[in-house]
């Protein structure tokens, strides 16, 4: 069992946690985390069921949203 102290929330004290956004993949009706690439230019990932690729580019102005839907 995990204690509450062992849980990680990005941006809440642990600077080593990998930045991510949540994505609902409509293709397979499944949610997954998509992580920032090594260059820090985009969030890149795949649908865990059908492997559909998604890339969310990081740009000036950006978005405050942490959750997205992929069609």
Protein backbone atom coordinates (compact mmCIF):
# COMPACT_ATOMS: atom_id res chain seq x y z
CA UNK A 1 0.00 0.00 0.00
CA UNK A 2 1.15 3.50 -0.81
CA UNK A 3 1.01 6.21 1.77
CA UNK A 4 -0.18 9.66 0.81
CA UNK A 5 3.35 10.96 1.30
CA UNK A 6 4.70 8.69 -1.45
CA UNK A 7 2.37 10.04 -4.14
CA UNK A 8 3.87 12.47 -6.65
CA UNK A 9 2.11 15.47 -8.09
CA UNK A 10 4.13 17.28 -10.77
CA UNK A 11 4.92 20.82 -9.72
CA UNK A 12 4.37 20.12 -6.03
CA UNK A 13 7.83 19.83 -4.56
CA UNK A 14 9.44 17.02 -6.57
CA UNK A 15 11.37 18.68 -9.40
CA UNK A 16 12.50 15.31 -10.81
CA UNK A 17 8.95 14.31 -11.83
CA UNK A 18 8.39 14.23 -15.60
CA UNK A 19 5.97 16.86 -16.94
CA UNK A 20 2.88 15.38 -18.61
CA UNK A 21 -0.59 16.21 -19.88
CA UNK A 22 -3.63 13.97 -19.78
CA UNK A 23 -5.15 12.91 -23.10
CA UNK A 24 -8.46 11.18 -23.77
CA UNK A 25 -7.97 9.17 -26.98
CA UNK A 26 -11.39 9.07 -28.67
CA UNK A 27 -10.20 6.43 -31.15
CA UNK A 28 -10.27 3.78 -28.40
CA UNK A 29 -12.08 5.60 -25.57
CA UNK A 30 -9.04 5.46 -23.30
CA UNK A 31 -7.11 7.97 -21.18
CA UNK A 32 -3.31 8.17 -21.04
CA UNK A 33 -0.58 10.50 -19.91
CA UNK A 34 1.56 12.06 -22.63
CA UNK A 35 5.04 13.19 -21.55
CA UNK A 36 7.23 16.10 -22.67
CA UNK A 37 9.98 15.13 -25.13
CA UNK A 38 13.67 15.44 -24.25
CA UNK A 39 14.05 18.67 -26.23
CA UNK A 40 11.16 20.25 -24.31
CA UNK A 41 9.43 21.30 -27.55
CA UNK A 42 6.32 19.08 -27.43
CA UNK A 43 4.33 16.48 -25.53
CA UNK A 44 4.57 13.26 -27.55
CA UNK A 45 2.83 9.93 -27.06
CA UNK A 46 0.66 7.19 -28.51
CA UNK A 47 -2.75 5.69 -27.86
CA UNK A 48 -2.09 2.69 -25.60
CA UNK A 49 -4.44 0.46 -27.65
CA UNK A 50 -4.05 1.35 -31.34
CA UNK A 51 -0.73 3.27 -31.19
CA UNK A 52 -2.14 6.40 -32.88
CA UNK A 53 0.56 9.08 -32.47
CA UNK A 54 -0.12 12.46 -30.89
CA UNK A 55 2.17 15.49 -30.65
CA UNK A 56 1.19 18.63 -28.74
CA UNK A 57 3.69 21.35 -29.61
CA UNK A 58 4.79 23.77 -26.90
CA UNK A 59 4.79 27.38 -28.04
CA UNK A 60 4.68 30.96 -26.82
CA UNK A 61 1.51 31.73 -24.93
CA UNK A 62 0.75 28.03 -24.53
CA UNK A 63 -2.28 26.75 -22.68
CA UNK A 64 -3.25 26.48 -19.02
CA UNK A 65 -5.10 23.25 -19.79
CA UNK A 66 -3.63 19.97 -18.49
CA UNK A 67 -6.19 17.68 -20.18
CA UNK A 68 -6.91 17.27 -23.90
CA UNK A 69 -8.99 15.12 -26.25
CA UNK A 70 -7.42 13.49 -29.33
CA UNK A 71 -9.72 12.64 -32.25
